[in-house]
Amino acid sequence: TSFSRPVIAGDRALDTAAAVAQAIAK
């Protein structure tokens, strides 16, 4: 029997330095 292929969830666009910093912090 088969196992389905794993996929990566779609990335959320990070359009500011603050958004990038917040993502890195989490």
mmCIF file of all heavy atoms, coordinates in Angstrom:
data_MODEL
# 
_entry.id   MODEL 
# 
loop_
_atom_site.group_PDB 
_atom_site.id 
_atom_site.type_symbol 
_atom_site.label_atom_id 
_atom_site.label_alt_id 
_atom_site.label_comp_id 
_atom_site.label_asym_id 
_atom_site.label_entity_id 
_atom_site.label_seq_id 
_atom_site.pdbx_PDB_ins_code 
_atom_site.Cartn_x 
_atom_site.Cartn_y 
_atom_site.Cartn_z 
_atom_site.occupancy 
_atom_site.B_iso_or_equiv 
_atom_site.pdbx_formal_charge 
_atom_site.auth_seq_id 
_atom_site.auth_comp_id 
_atom_site.auth_asym_id 
_atom_site.auth_atom_id 
_atom_site.pdbx_PDB_model_num 
ATOM 1   N N   . THR A 1 1  ? 0.852  -1.181 0.000  1.00 0.00 ? 1  THR A N   1 
ATOM 2   C CA  . THR A 1 1  ? 0.000  0.000  0.000  1.00 0.00 ? 1  THR A CA  1 
ATOM 3   C C   . THR A 1 1  ? 0.891  1.234  0.000  1.00 0.00 ? 1  THR A C   1 
ATOM 4   O O   . THR A 1 1  ? 2.080  1.161  0.287  1.00 0.00 ? 1  THR A O   1 
ATOM 5   C CB  . THR A 1 1  ? -0.949 0.017  1.214  1.00 0.00 ? 1  THR A CB  1 
ATOM 6   O OG1 . THR A 1 1  ? -0.193 -0.208 2.415  1.00 0.00 ? 1  THR A OG1 1 
ATOM 7   C CG2 . THR A 1 1  ? -2.000 -1.067 1.093  1.00 0.00 ? 1  THR A CG2 1 
ATOM 8   N N   . SER A 1 2  ? 0.305  2.375  -0.318 1.00 0.00 ? 2  SER A N   1 
ATOM 9   C CA  . SER A 1 2  ? 1.101  3.581  -0.575 1.00 0.00 ? 2  SER A CA  1 
ATOM 10  C C   . SER A 1 2  ? 1.044  4.586  0.567  1.00 0.00 ? 2  SER A C   1 
ATOM 11  O O   . SER A 1 2  ? 0.109  4.597  1.371  1.00 0.00 ? 2  SER A O   1 
ATOM 12  C CB  . SER A 1 2  ? 0.621  4.257  -1.867 1.00 0.00 ? 2  SER A CB  1 
ATOM 13  O OG  . SER A 1 2  ? 0.913  3.460  -2.985 1.00 0.00 ? 2  SER A OG  1 
ATOM 14  N N   . PHE A 1 3  ? 2.053  5.423  0.594  1.00 0.00 ? 3  PHE A N   1 
ATOM 15  C CA  . PHE A 1 3  ? 2.105  6.608  1.446  1.00 0.00 ? 3  PHE A CA  1 
ATOM 16  C C   . PHE A 1 3  ? 2.099  7.827  0.529  1.00 0.00 ? 3  PHE A C   1 
ATOM 17  O O   . PHE A 1 3  ? 2.847  7.877  -0.446 1.00 0.00 ? 3  PHE A O   1 
ATOM 18  C CB  . PHE A 1 3  ? 3.380  6.635  2.295  1.00 0.00 ? 3  PHE A CB  1 
ATOM 19  C CG  . PHE A 1 3  ? 3.477  5.537  3.311  1.00 0.00 ? 3  PHE A CG  1 
ATOM 20  C CD1 . PHE A 1 3  ? 4.124  4.351  3.003  1.00 0.00 ? 3  PHE A CD1 1 
ATOM 21  C CD2 . PHE A 1 3  ? 2.928  5.688  4.577  1.00 0.00 ? 3  PHE A CD2 1 
ATOM 22  C CE1 . PHE A 1 3  ? 4.228  3.337  3.938  1.00 0.00 ? 3  PHE A CE1 1 
ATOM 23  C CE2 . PHE A 1 3  ? 3.023  4.672  5.510  1.00 0.00 ? 3  PHE A CE2 1 
ATOM 24  C CZ  . PHE A 1 3  ? 3.675  3.495  5.199  1.00 0.00 ? 3  PHE A CZ  1 
ATOM 25  N N   . SER A 1 4  ? 1.266  8.800  0.839  1.00 0.00 ? 4  SER A N   1 
ATOM 26  C CA  . SER A 1 4  ? 1.181  9.972  -0.025 1.00 0.00 ? 4  SER A CA  1 
ATOM 27  C C   . SER A 1 4  ? 2.393  10.872 0.158  1.00 0.00 ? 4  SER A C   1 
ATOM 28  O O   . SER A 1 4  ? 3.079  10.844 1.182  1.00 0.00 ? 4  SER A O   1 
ATOM 29  C CB  . SER A 1 4  ? -0.105 10.757 0.255  1.00 0.00 ? 4  SER A CB  1 
ATOM 30  O OG  . SER A 1 4  ? -0.181 11.146 1.602  1.00 0.00 ? 4  SER A OG  1 
ATOM 31  N N   . ARG A 1 5  ? 2.622  11.664 -0.847 1.00 0.00 ? 5  ARG A N   1 
ATOM 32  C CA  . ARG A 1 5  ? 3.809  12.521 -0.887 1.00 0.00 ? 5  ARG A CA  1 
ATOM 33  C C   . ARG A 1 5  ? 3.671  13.686 0.087  1.00 0.00 ? 5  ARG A C   1 
ATOM 34  O O   . ARG A 1 5  ? 2.647  14.380 0.095  1.00 0.00 ? 5  ARG A O   1 
ATOM 35  C CB  . ARG A 1 5  ? 3.966  13.042 -2.314 1.00 0.00 ? 5  ARG A CB  1 
ATOM 36  C CG  . ARG A 1 5  ? 5.243  13.815 -2.582 1.00 0.00 ? 5  ARG A CG  1 
ATOM 37  C CD  . ARG A 1 5  ? 5.269  14.245 -4.037 1.00 0.00 ? 5  ARG A CD  1 
ATOM 38  N NE  . ARG A 1 5  ? 6.567  14.800 -4.366 1.00 0.00 ? 5  ARG A NE  1 
ATOM 39  C CZ  . ARG A 1 5  ? 7.619  14.055 -4.688 1.00 0.00 ? 5  ARG A CZ  1 
ATOM 40  N NH1 . ARG A 1 5  ? 7.503  12.748 -4.739 1.00 0.00 ? 5  ARG A NH1 1 
ATOM 41  N NH2 . ARG A 1 5  ? 8.776  14.618 -4.966 1.00 0.00 ? 5  ARG A NH2 1 
ATOM 42  N N   . PRO A 1 6  ? 4.690  13.960 0.915  1.00 0.00 ? 6  PRO A N   1 
ATOM 43  C CA  . PRO A 1 6  ? 4.618  15.121 1.801  1.00 0.00 ? 6  PRO A CA  1 
ATOM 44  C C   . PRO A 1 6  ? 4.828  16.409 1.016  1.00 0.00 ? 6  PRO A C   1 
ATOM 45  O O   . PRO A 1 6  ? 5.589  16.448 0.047  1.00 0.00 ? 6  PRO A O   1 
ATOM 46  C CB  . PRO A 1 6  ? 5.767  14.893 2.791  1.00 0.00 ? 6  PRO A CB  1 
ATOM 47  C CG  . PRO A 1 6  ? 6.762  14.088 2.015  1.00 0.00 ? 6  PRO A CG  1 
ATOM 48  C CD  . PRO A 1 6  ? 5.956  13.225 1.079  1.00 0.00 ? 6  PRO A CD  1 
ATOM 49  N N   . VAL A 1 7  ? 4.130  17.449 1.404  1.00 0.00 ? 7  VAL A N   1 
ATOM 50  C CA  . VAL A 1 7  ? 4.261  18.746 0.731  1.00 0.00 ? 7  VAL A CA  1 
ATOM 51  C C   . VAL A 1 7  ? 4.532  19.824 1.759  1.00 0.00 ? 7  VAL A C   1 
ATOM 52  O O   . VAL A 1 7  ? 4.226  19.683 2.943  1.00 0.00 ? 7  VAL A O   1 
ATOM 53  C CB  . VAL A 1 7  ? 2.985  19.104 -0.064 1.00 0.00 ? 7  VAL A CB  1 
ATOM 54  C CG1 . VAL A 1 7  ? 2.761  18.112 -1.193 1.00 0.00 ? 7  VAL A CG1 1 
ATOM 55  C CG2 . VAL A 1 7  ? 1.766  19.134 0.846  1.00 0.00 ? 7  VAL A CG2 1 
ATOM 56  N N   . ILE A 1 8  ? 5.112  20.910 1.289  1.00 0.00 ? 8  ILE A N   1 
ATOM 57  C CA  . ILE A 1 8  ? 5.405  22.053 2.152  1.00 0.00 ? 8  ILE A CA  1 
ATOM 58  C C   . ILE A 1 8  ? 4.255  23.030 2.068  1.00 0.00 ? 8  ILE A C   1 
ATOM 59  O O   . ILE A 1 8  ? 3.790  23.366 0.981  1.00 0.00 ? 8  ILE A O   1 
ATOM 60  C CB  . ILE A 1 8  ? 6.717  22.745 1.726  1.00 0.00 ? 8  ILE A CB  1 
ATOM 61  C CG1 . ILE A 1 8  ? 7.877  21.732 1.725  1.00 0.00 ? 8  ILE A CG1 1 
ATOM 62  C CG2 . ILE A 1 8  ? 7.034  23.925 2.632  1.00 0.00 ? 8  ILE A CG2 1 
ATOM 63  C CD1 . ILE A 1 8  ? 9.148  22.278 1.130  1.00 0.00 ? 8  ILE A CD1 1 
ATOM 64  N N   . ALA A 1 9  ? 3.792  23.485 3.223  1.00 0.00 ? 9  ALA A N   1 
ATOM 65  C CA  . ALA A 1 9  ? 2.722  24.475 3.240  1.00 0.00 ? 9  ALA A CA  1 
ATOM 66  C C   . ALA A 1 9  ? 3.190  25.746 2.552  1.00 0.00 ? 9  ALA A C   1 
ATOM 67  O O   . ALA A 1 9  ? 4.368  26.114 2.610  1.00 0.00 ? 9  ALA A O   1 
ATOM 68  C CB  . ALA A 1 9  ? 2.306  24.766 4.673  1.00 0.00 ? 9  ALA A CB  1 
ATOM 69  N N   . GLY A 1 10 ? 2.274  26.454 1.898  1.00 0.00 ? 10 GLY A N   1 
ATOM 70  C CA  . GLY A 1 10 ? 2.630  27.682 1.188  1.00 0.00 ? 10 GLY A CA  1 
ATOM 71  C C   . GLY A 1 10 ? 3.198  28.737 2.123  1.00 0.00 ? 10 GLY A C   1 
ATOM 72  O O   . GLY A 1 10 ? 2.724  28.921 3.247  1.00 0.00 ? 10 GLY A O   1 
ATOM 73  N N   . ASP A 1 11 ? 4.236  29.406 1.670  1.00 0.00 ? 11 ASP A N   1 
ATOM 74  C CA  . ASP A 1 11 ? 4.869  30.452 2.476  1.00 0.00 ? 11 ASP A CA  1 
ATOM 75  C C   . ASP A 1 11 ? 4.061  31.742 2.431  1.00 0.00 ? 11 ASP A C   1 
ATOM 76  O O   . ASP A 1 11 ? 3.487  32.102 1.416  1.00 0.00 ? 11 ASP A O   1 
ATOM 77  C CB  . ASP A 1 11 ? 6.287  30.740 1.965  1.00 0.00 ? 11 ASP A CB  1 
ATOM 78  C CG  . ASP A 1 11 ? 7.222  29.569 2.195  1.00 0.00 ? 11 ASP A CG  1 
ATOM 79  O OD1 . ASP A 1 11 ? 6.992  28.830 3.165  1.00 0.00 ? 11 ASP A OD1 1 
ATOM 80  O OD2 . ASP A 1 11 ? 8.164  29.401 1.404  1.00 0.00 ? 11 ASP A OD2 1 
ATOM 81  N N   . ARG A 1 12 ? 4.047  32.434 3.563  1.00 0.00 ? 12 ARG A N   1 
ATOM 82  C CA  . ARG A 1 12 ? 3.413  33.748 3.627  1.00 0.00 ? 12 ARG A CA  1 
ATOM 83  C C   . ARG A 1 12 ? 4.454  34.805 3.242  1.00 0.00 ? 12 ARG A C   1 
ATOM 84  O O   . ARG A 1 12 ? 5.585  34.779 3.722  1.00 0.00 ? 12 ARG A O   1 
ATOM 85  C CB  . ARG A 1 12 ? 2.898  34.003 5.055  1.00 0.00 ? 12 ARG A CB  1 
ATOM 86  C CG  . ARG A 1 12 ? 2.295  35.381 5.263  1.00 0.00 ? 12 ARG A CG  1 
ATOM 87  C CD  . ARG A 1 12 ? 1.648  35.453 6.646  1.00 0.00 ? 12 ARG A CD  1 
ATOM 88  N NE  . ARG A 1 12 ? 2.581  35.130 7.699  1.00 0.00 ? 12 ARG A NE  1 
ATOM 89  C CZ  . ARG A 1 12 ? 3.373  36.028 8.297  1.00 0.00 ? 12 ARG A CZ  1 
ATOM 90  N NH1 . ARG A 1 12 ? 3.368  37.288 7.902  1.00 0.00 ? 12 ARG A NH1 1 
ATOM 91  N NH2 . ARG A 1 12 ? 4.177  35.660 9.274  1.00 0.00 ? 12 ARG A NH2 1 
ATOM 92  N N   . ALA A 1 13 ? 4.090  35.703 2.368  1.00 0.00 ? 13 ALA A N   1 
ATOM 93  C CA  . ALA A 1 13 ? 5.027  36.739 1.931  1.00 0.00 ? 13 ALA A CA  1 
ATOM 94  C C   . ALA A 1 13 ? 5.407  37.640 3.098  1.00 0.00 ? 13 ALA A C   1 
ATOM 95  O O   . ALA A 1 13 ? 4.565  38.073 3.881  1.00 0.00 ? 13 ALA A O   1 
ATOM 96  C CB  . ALA A 1 13 ? 4.395  37.561 0.813  1.00 0.00 ? 13 ALA A CB  1 
ATOM 97  N N   . LEU A 1 14 ? 6.706  37.905 3.228  1.00 0.00 ? 14 LEU A N   1 
ATOM 98  C CA  . LEU A 1 14 ? 7.214  38.797 4.278  1.00 0.00 ? 14 LEU A CA  1 
ATOM 99  C C   . LEU A 1 14 ? 7.785  40.021 3.577  1.00 0.00 ? 14 LEU A C   1 
ATOM 100 O O   . LEU A 1 14 ? 8.852  39.962 2.975  1.00 0.00 ? 14 LEU A O   1 
ATOM 101 C CB  . LEU A 1 14 ? 8.283  38.080 5.109  1.00 0.00 ? 14 LEU A CB  1 
ATOM 102 C CG  . LEU A 1 14 ? 7.838  36.763 5.770  1.00 0.00 ? 14 LEU A CG  1 
ATOM 103 C CD1 . LEU A 1 14 ? 9.013  36.096 6.469  1.00 0.00 ? 14 LEU A CD1 1 
ATOM 104 C CD2 . LEU A 1 14 ? 6.703  37.010 6.750  1.00 0.00 ? 14 LEU A CD2 1 
ATOM 105 N N   . ASP A 1 15 ? 7.061  41.131 3.662  1.00 0.00 ? 15 ASP A N   1 
ATOM 106 C CA  . ASP A 1 15 ? 7.430  42.277 2.845  1.00 0.00 ? 15 ASP A CA  1 
ATOM 107 C C   . ASP A 1 15 ? 8.118  43.395 3.606  1.00 0.00 ? 15 ASP A C   1 
ATOM 108 O O   . ASP A 1 15 ? 8.438  44.436 3.037  1.00 0.00 ? 15 ASP A O   1 
ATOM 109 C CB  . ASP A 1 15 ? 6.190  42.832 2.129  1.00 0.00 ? 15 ASP A CB  1 
ATOM 110 C CG  . ASP A 1 15 ? 5.045  43.129 3.103  1.00 0.00 ? 15 ASP A CG  1 
ATOM 111 O OD1 . ASP A 1 15 ? 5.261  42.998 4.333  1.00 0.00 ? 15 ASP A OD1 1 
ATOM 112 O OD2 . ASP A 1 15 ? 3.957  43.489 2.631  1.00 0.00 ? 15 ASP A OD2 1 
ATOM 113 N N   . THR A 1 16 ? 8.358  43.207 4.904  1.00 0.00 ? 16 THR A N   1 
ATOM 114 C CA  . THR A 1 16 ? 9.075  44.233 5.665  1.00 0.00 ? 16 THR A CA  1 
ATOM 115 C C   . THR A 1 16 ? 10.119 43.568 6.549  1.00 0.00 ? 16 THR A C   1 
ATOM 116 O O   . THR A 1 16 ? 10.016 42.382 6.879  1.00 0.00 ? 16 THR A O   1 
ATOM 117 C CB  . THR A 1 16 ? 8.113  45.037 6.555  1.00 0.00 ? 16 THR A CB  1 
ATOM 118 O OG1 . THR A 1 16 ? 7.593  44.184 7.582  1.00 0.00 ? 16 THR A OG1 1 
ATOM 119 C CG2 . THR A 1 16 ? 6.977  45.637 5.749  1.00 0.00 ? 16 THR A CG2 1 
ATOM 120 N N   . ALA A 1 17 ? 11.121 44.359 6.946  1.00 0.00 ? 17 ALA A N   1 
ATOM 121 C CA  . ALA A 1 17 ? 12.158 43.839 7.838  1.00 0.00 ? 17 ALA A CA  1 
ATOM 122 C C   . ALA A 1 17 ? 11.566 43.413 9.169  1.00 0.00 ? 17 ALA A C   1 
ATOM 123 O O   . ALA A 1 17 ? 11.989 42.419 9.772  1.00 0.00 ? 17 ALA A O   1 
ATOM 124 C CB  . ALA A 1 17 ? 13.228 44.908 8.051  1.00 0.00 ? 17 ALA A CB  1 
ATOM 125 N N   . ALA A 1 18 ? 10.540 44.144 9.620  1.00 0.00 ? 18 ALA A N   1 
ATOM 126 C CA  . ALA A 1 18 ? 9.900  43.802 10.898 1.00 0.00 ? 18 ALA A CA  1 
ATOM 127 C C   . ALA A 1 18 ? 9.197  42.447 10.806 1.00 0.00 ? 18 ALA A C   1 
ATOM 128 O O   . ALA A 1 18 ? 9.241  41.643 11.745 1.00 0.00 ? 18 ALA A O   1 
ATOM 129 C CB  . ALA A 1 18 ? 8.901  44.886 11.292 1.00 0.00 ? 18 ALA A CB  1 
ATOM 130 N N   . ALA A 1 19 ? 8.569  42.186 9.646  1.00 0.00 ? 19 ALA A N   1 
ATOM 131 C CA  . ALA A 1 19 ? 7.877  40.907 9.466  1.00 0.00 ? 19 ALA A CA  1 
ATOM 132 C C   . ALA A 1 19 ? 8.865  39.750 9.443  1.00 0.00 ? 19 ALA A C   1 
ATOM 133 O O   . ALA A 1 19 ? 8.612  38.679 10.013 1.00 0.00 ? 19 ALA A O   1 
ATOM 134 C CB  . ALA A 1 19 ? 7.063  40.927 8.181  1.00 0.00 ? 19 ALA A CB  1 
ATOM 135 N N   . VAL A 1 20 ? 10.014 39.960 8.798  1.00 0.00 ? 20 VAL A N   1 
ATOM 136 C CA  . VAL A 1 20 ? 11.055 38.936 8.770  1.00 0.00 ? 20 VAL A CA  1 
ATOM 137 C C   . VAL A 1 20 ? 11.569 38.675 10.180 1.00 0.00 ? 20 VAL A C   1 
ATOM 138 O O   . VAL A 1 20 ? 11.715 37.526 10.617 1.00 0.00 ? 20 VAL A O   1 
ATOM 139 C CB  . VAL A 1 20 ? 12.204 39.349 7.844  1.00 0.00 ? 20 VAL A CB  1 
ATOM 140 C CG1 . VAL A 1 20 ? 13.369 38.372 7.980  1.00 0.00 ? 20 VAL A CG1 1 
ATOM 141 C CG2 . VAL A 1 20 ? 11.735 39.414 6.400  1.00 0.00 ? 20 VAL A CG2 1 
ATOM 142 N N   . ALA A 1 21 ? 11.833 39.743 10.928 1.00 0.00 ? 21 ALA A N   1 
ATOM 143 C CA  . ALA A 1 21 ? 12.332 39.593 12.297 1.00 0.00 ? 21 ALA A CA  1 
ATOM 144 C C   . ALA A 1 21 ? 11.334 38.848 13.170 1.00 0.00 ? 21 ALA A C   1 
ATOM 145 O O   . ALA A 1 21 ? 11.709 38.011 13.999 1.00 0.00 ? 21 ALA A O   1 
ATOM 146 C CB  . ALA A 1 21 ? 12.636 40.969 12.888 1.00 0.00 ? 21 ALA A CB  1 
ATOM 147 N N   . GLN A 1 22 ? 10.049 39.145 12.986 1.00 0.00 ? 22 GLN A N   1 
ATOM 148 C CA  . GLN A 1 22 ? 9.016  38.473 13.768 1.00 0.00 ? 22 GLN A CA  1 
ATOM 149 C C   . GLN A 1 22 ? 8.955  36.990 13.425 1.00 0.00 ? 22 GLN A C   1 
ATOM 150 O O   . GLN A 1 22 ? 8.798  36.138 14.309 1.00 0.00 ? 22 GLN A O   1 
ATOM 151 C CB  . GLN A 1 22 ? 7.659  39.128 13.512 1.00 0.00 ? 22 GLN A CB  1 
ATOM 152 C CG  . GLN A 1 22 ? 6.539  38.577 14.390 1.00 0.00 ? 22 GLN A CG  1 
ATOM 153 C CD  . GLN A 1 22 ? 5.220  39.268 14.127 1.00 0.00 ? 22 GLN A CD  1 
ATOM 154 O OE1 . GLN A 1 22 ? 4.932  39.680 13.005 1.00 0.00 ? 22 GLN A OE1 1 
ATOM 155 N NE2 . GLN A 1 22 ? 4.412  39.423 15.164 1.00 0.00 ? 22 GLN A NE2 1 
ATOM 156 N N   . ALA A 1 23 ? 9.098  36.672 12.141 1.00 0.00 ? 23 ALA A N   1 
ATOM 157 C CA  . ALA A 1 23 ? 9.070  35.271 11.727 1.00 0.00 ? 23 ALA A CA  1 
ATOM 158 C C   . ALA A 1 23 ? 10.257 34.514 12.301 1.00 0.00 ? 23 ALA A C   1 
ATOM 159 O O   . ALA A 1 23 ? 10.121 33.381 12.787 1.00 0.00 ? 23 ALA A O   1 
ATOM 160 C CB  . ALA A 1 23 ? 9.058  35.177 10.204 1.00 0.00 ? 23 ALA A CB  1 
ATOM 161 N N   . ILE A 1 24 ? 11.435 35.132 12.253 1.00 0.00 ? 24 ILE A N   1 
ATOM 162 C CA  . ILE A 1 24 ? 12.634 34.489 12.795 1.00 0.00 ? 24 ILE A CA  1 
ATOM 163 C C   . ILE A 1 24 ? 12.478 34.240 14.286 1.00 0.00 ? 24 ILE A C   1 
ATOM 164 O O   . ILE A 1 24 ? 12.943 33.242 14.838 1.00 0.00 ? 24 ILE A O   1 
ATOM 165 C CB  . ILE A 1 24 ? 13.886 35.353 12.522 1.00 0.00 ? 24 ILE A CB  1 
ATOM 166 C CG1 . ILE A 1 24 ? 14.195 35.385 11.012 1.00 0.00 ? 24 ILE A CG1 1 
ATOM 167 C CG2 . ILE A 1 24 ? 15.089 34.854 13.301 1.00 0.00 ? 24 ILE A CG2 1 
ATOM 168 C CD1 . ILE A 1 24 ? 14.645 34.069 10.445 1.00 0.00 ? 24 ILE A CD1 1 
ATOM 169 N N   . ALA A 1 25 ? 11.796 35.144 14.975 1.00 0.00 ? 25 ALA A N   1 
ATOM 170 C CA  . ALA A 1 25 ? 11.616 35.024 16.423 1.00 0.00 ? 25 ALA A CA  1 
ATOM 171 C C   . ALA A 1 25 ? 10.639 33.925 16.797 1.00 0.00 ? 25 ALA A C   1 
ATOM 172 O O   . ALA A 1 25 ? 10.537 33.559 17.968 1.00 0.00 ? 25 ALA A O   1 
ATOM 173 C CB  . ALA A 1 25 ? 11.138 36.348 16.999 1.00 0.00 ? 25 ALA A CB  1 
ATOM 174 N N   . LYS A 1 26 ? 9.917  33.397 15.811 1.00 0.00 ? 26 LYS A N   1 
ATOM 175 C CA  . LYS A 1 26 ? 8.919  32.365 16.102 1.00 0.00 ? 26 LYS A CA  1 
ATOM 176 C C   . LYS A 1 26 ? 9.231  31.059 15.380 1.00 0.00 ? 26 LYS A C   1 
ATOM 177 O O   . LYS A 1 26 ? 8.339  30.312 15.005 1.00 0.00 ? 26 LYS A O   1 
ATOM 178 C CB  . LYS A 1 26 ? 7.529  32.869 15.699 1.00 0.00 ? 26 LYS A CB  1 
ATOM 179 C CG  . LYS A 1 26 ? 7.020  34.026 16.549 1.00 0.00 ? 26 LYS A CG  1 
ATOM 180 C CD  . LYS A 1 26 ? 5.612  34.417 16.131 1.00 0.00 ? 26 LYS A CD  1 
ATOM 181 C CE  . LYS A 1 26 ? 5.075  35.539 17.011 1.00 0.00 ? 26 LYS A CE  1 
ATOM 182 N NZ  . LYS A 1 26 ? 3.699  35.947 16.616 1.00 0.00 ? 26 LYS A NZ  1 
# 
